[in-house]
Protein backbone atom coordinates (compact mmCIF):
# COMPACT_ATOMS: atom_id res chain seq x y z
CA UNK A 1 83.42 91.75 88.84
CA UNK A 2 85.15 93.88 91.43
CA UNK A 3 88.36 93.73 90.01
CA UNK A 4 90.48 92.03 86.65
CA UNK A 5 93.35 90.56 88.71
CA UNK A 6 95.79 89.07 86.01
CA UNK A 7 98.88 88.32 88.18
CA UNK A 8 99.37 88.07 91.99
CA UNK A 9 102.65 86.35 92.98
CA UNK A 10 104.62 85.60 95.89
CA UNK A 11 108.53 84.99 95.41
CA UNK A 12 111.24 84.52 97.95
CA UNK A 13 114.43 86.72 97.88
CA UNK A 14 116.55 87.02 100.35
CA UNK A 15 115.33 87.79 103.30
CA UNK A 16 112.41 88.67 102.30
CA UNK A 17 109.34 87.73 99.92
CA UNK A 18 108.53 90.16 97.17
CA UNK A 19 104.07 90.38 96.53
CA UNK A 20 103.52 91.28 93.66
CA UNK A 21 99.97 92.40 90.92
CA UNK A 22 98.19 93.73 88.15
CA UNK A 23 94.44 93.97 87.61
CA UNK A 24 93.16 95.13 84.08
CA UNK A 25 90.50 97.13 85.25
CA UNK A 26 89.07 97.82 89.02
CA UNK A 27 85.95 98.68 90.26
CA UNK A 28 85.10 100.19 93.24
CA UNK A 29 88.09 99.19 94.00
CA UNK A 30 88.88 100.48 97.56
CA UNK A 31 92.64 98.81 98.82
CA UNK A 32 94.48 94.90 99.17
CA UNK A 33 95.46 93.10 102.09
CA UNK A 34 98.61 90.51 101.92
CA UNK A 35 97.91 87.64 103.95
CA UNK A 36 99.83 84.89 105.11
CA UNK A 37 100.11 81.07 106.71
CA UNK A 38 101.23 78.77 107.15
CA UNK A 39 98.58 76.14 108.18
CA UNK A 40 95.83 77.18 105.21
CA UNK A 41 93.06 78.37 108.44
CA UNK A 42 95.64 80.93 109.94
CA UNK A 43 95.83 83.97 108.28
CA UNK A 44 97.41 87.14 108.99
CA UNK A 45 98.05 90.46 107.09
CA UNK A 46 101.66 91.32 105.98
CA UNK A 47 100.24 94.86 104.29
CA UNK A 48 96.91 96.92 103.52
CA UNK A 49 97.52 99.21 101.06
CA UNK A 50 95.37 101.66 98.93
CA UNK A 51 93.09 100.76 95.62
CA UNK A 52 92.32 102.60 92.37
CA UNK A 53 89.18 102.74 92.35
CA UNK A 54 88.11 102.38 89.17
CA UNK A 55 90.49 102.20 86.12
CA UNK A 56 90.19 100.30 83.70
CA UNK A 57 93.95 100.02 82.18
CA UNK A 58 96.64 97.56 82.82
CA UNK A 59 98.46 98.86 86.89
CA UNK A 60 101.44 97.33 89.10
CA UNK A 61 101.80 96.47 92.30
CA UNK A 62 104.51 95.66 94.05
CA UNK A 63 105.03 94.81 97.97
CA UNK A 64 107.23 93.45 100.18
CA UNK A 65 106.88 91.02 103.65
CA UNK A 66 110.24 91.38 105.72
CA UNK A 67 109.10 88.75 107.86
CA UNK A 68 108.16 86.13 106.38
CA UNK A 69 107.49 82.44 108.07
CA UNK A 70 110.84 80.03 107.28
CA UNK A 71 109.65 76.69 105.17
CA UNK A 72 106.57 76.31 103.57
CA UNK A 73 104.47 79.38 104.03
CA UNK A 74 101.25 80.31 102.05
CA UNK A 75 100.60 83.60 100.66
CA UNK A 76 97.35 85.41 99.28
CA UNK A 77 95.18 88.99 97.68
CA UNK A 78 92.09 90.16 98.62
CA UNK A 79 90.43 92.44 97.29
CA UNK A 80 88.12 94.72 99.74
CA UNK A 81 84.97 97.66 97.54
CA UNK A 82 83.95 100.40 98.67
CA UNK A 83 80.41 98.94 100.45
CA UNK A 84 82.82 96.23 102.15
CA UNK A 85 82.48 93.30 99.33
CA UNK A 86 85.60 91.45 99.88
CA UNK A 87 87.33 88.36 96.72
CA UNK A 88 90.08 86.15 97.28
CA UNK A 89 93.14 85.05 95.39
CA UNK A 90 94.23 81.67 94.70
CA UNK A 91 97.03 81.12 97.40
CA UNK A 92 100.94 81.77 96.47
CA UNK A 93 103.17 79.27 98.13
CA UNK A 94 106.48 79.76 99.05
CA UNK A 95 109.12 77.97 100.34
CA UNK A 96 111.29 80.20 102.41
CA UNK A 97 114.80 79.88 103.89
CA UNK A 98 117.02 82.50 105.20
CA UNK A 99 120.49 82.58 105.01
CA UNK A 100 120.69 81.97 108.46
CA UNK A 101 119.49 78.72 109.90
CA UNK A 102 119.08 79.13 113.72
CA UNK A 103 120.24 76.17 115.71
CA UNK A 104 121.10 76.09 119.27
CA UNK A 105 124.12 73.74 121.18
CA UNK A 106 124.72 72.89 124.89
CA UNK A 107 127.87 72.12 125.29
CA UNK A 108 128.47 70.42 128.87
CA UNK A 109 125.48 68.38 128.21
CA UNK A 110 124.82 67.04 131.32
CA UNK A 111 126.08 69.33 133.19
CA UNK A 112 124.72 70.26 137.44
CA UNK A 113 122.66 73.12 136.68
CA UNK A 114 124.10 76.58 137.45
CA UNK A 115 125.84 78.01 134.87
CA UNK A 116 124.23 76.48 131.37
CA UNK A 117 126.89 77.28 128.17
CA UNK A 118 124.95 77.61 124.91
CA UNK A 119 125.66 78.36 121.16
CA UNK A 120 123.26 80.09 119.36
CA UNK A 121 123.03 80.61 115.87
CA UNK A 122 120.46 83.26 114.68
CA UNK A 123 120.56 86.60 112.48
CA UNK A 124 122.48 89.86 114.30
CA UNK A 125 119.68 92.61 116.34
CA UNK A 126 117.00 89.78 116.16
CA UNK A 127 115.31 89.15 119.89
CA UNK A 128 115.92 85.39 120.64
CA UNK A 129 113.54 84.47 124.26
CA UNK A 130 115.44 82.32 126.22
CA UNK A 131 113.71 79.31 128.09
CA UNK A 132 113.90 76.16 130.45
CA UNK A 133 111.67 73.99 131.38
CA UNK A 134 111.34 71.23 133.86
CA UNK A 135 109.92 68.17 132.66
CA UNK A 136 105.82 68.84 134.19
CA UNK A 137 106.59 71.79 131.45
CA UNK A 138 106.99 74.48 134.43
CA UNK A 139 109.10 77.70 132.73
CA UNK A 140 112.75 77.83 135.46
CA UNK A 141 114.14 79.62 133.49
CA UNK A 142 113.69 83.07 130.51
CA UNK A 143 115.94 85.50 129.32
CA UNK A 144 115.71 87.86 126.85
CA UNK A 145 119.40 87.73 124.36
CA UNK A 146 120.13 90.16 121.00
CA UNK A 147 122.63 89.11 119.37
CA UNK A 148 125.22 90.85 118.07
CA UNK A 149 126.34 89.44 114.97
CA UNK A 150 124.50 87.04 112.59
CA UNK A 151 126.23 83.38 112.98
CA UNK A 152 127.43 82.03 115.56
CA UNK A 153 126.94 83.52 119.42
CA UNK A 154 128.06 81.31 122.69
CA UNK A 155 125.88 82.66 125.67
CA UNK A 156 126.41 81.13 129.15
CA UNK A 157 123.35 81.32 131.27
CA UNK A 158 122.11 80.81 135.33
CA UNK A 159 118.86 80.45 137.25
CA UNK A 160 118.47 81.73 140.07
CA UNK A 161 118.48 78.81 141.80
CA UNK A 162 120.38 75.36 140.83
CA UNK A 163 118.06 73.33 138.66
CA UNK A 164 117.61 69.54 140.75
CA UNK A 165 118.56 66.53 138.19
CA UNK A 166 116.24 65.99 135.64
CA UNK A 167 116.11 66.40 131.92
CA UNK A 168 114.75 70.02 130.62
CA UNK A 169 113.98 71.29 127.93
CA UNK A 170 115.51 74.15 126.65
CA UNK A 171 113.45 76.44 124.05
CA UNK A 172 114.89 79.11 122.26
CA UNK A 173 112.32 81.44 119.57
CA UNK A 174 112.75 84.30 117.88
CA UNK A 175 110.16 85.70 115.34
CA UNK A 176 108.98 82.91 114.05
CA UNK A 177 111.44 80.53 115.00
CA UNK A 178 111.91 77.39 117.48
CA UNK A 179 114.44 75.49 118.16
CA UNK A 180 114.66 73.23 121.72
CA UNK A 181 117.27 70.98 122.91
CA UNK A 182 117.14 67.79 125.68
CA UNK A 183 119.80 69.40 128.85
CA UNK A 184 120.23 66.70 131.68
CA UNK A 185 121.05 68.41 135.47
CA UNK A 186 123.19 64.99 137.51
């Protein structure tokens, strides 16, 4: 085997996920890749790190995922040899809930479709996209906002034309978080 993997751990730690692994030996080991997934099929690379190459001593590796998925996700360690061959560790489950919940409230609902007041609970400096969709799924409005503080922030948005009477979906999305609420225009 190219490496003798002793352990691979993924643990939530406040706003990040700590990723640690240890090897007893490595032979022709080029690099490590940490991957994450929410569904077990689609994996995203978190980080790539150089391996020791050849070693017969106990080695410890550590890194962090600074943008973990919300909720339950899975991490795996991929080890790649100099010749391109690779192996995977077992999956490690992480249940990550950040300290700031992501939530959306529409006030004055129903409303007249000219000015829409929102309250979004989010994280300071984390870019958010606010979109309004009509009942057919067509986007009627979209705006990017960046909260000036963590917690509850209030916004007034005004579509370029008054929204017609009907049911709309307001979606707030930020990195790996999404919140949607129904809005009625009279």
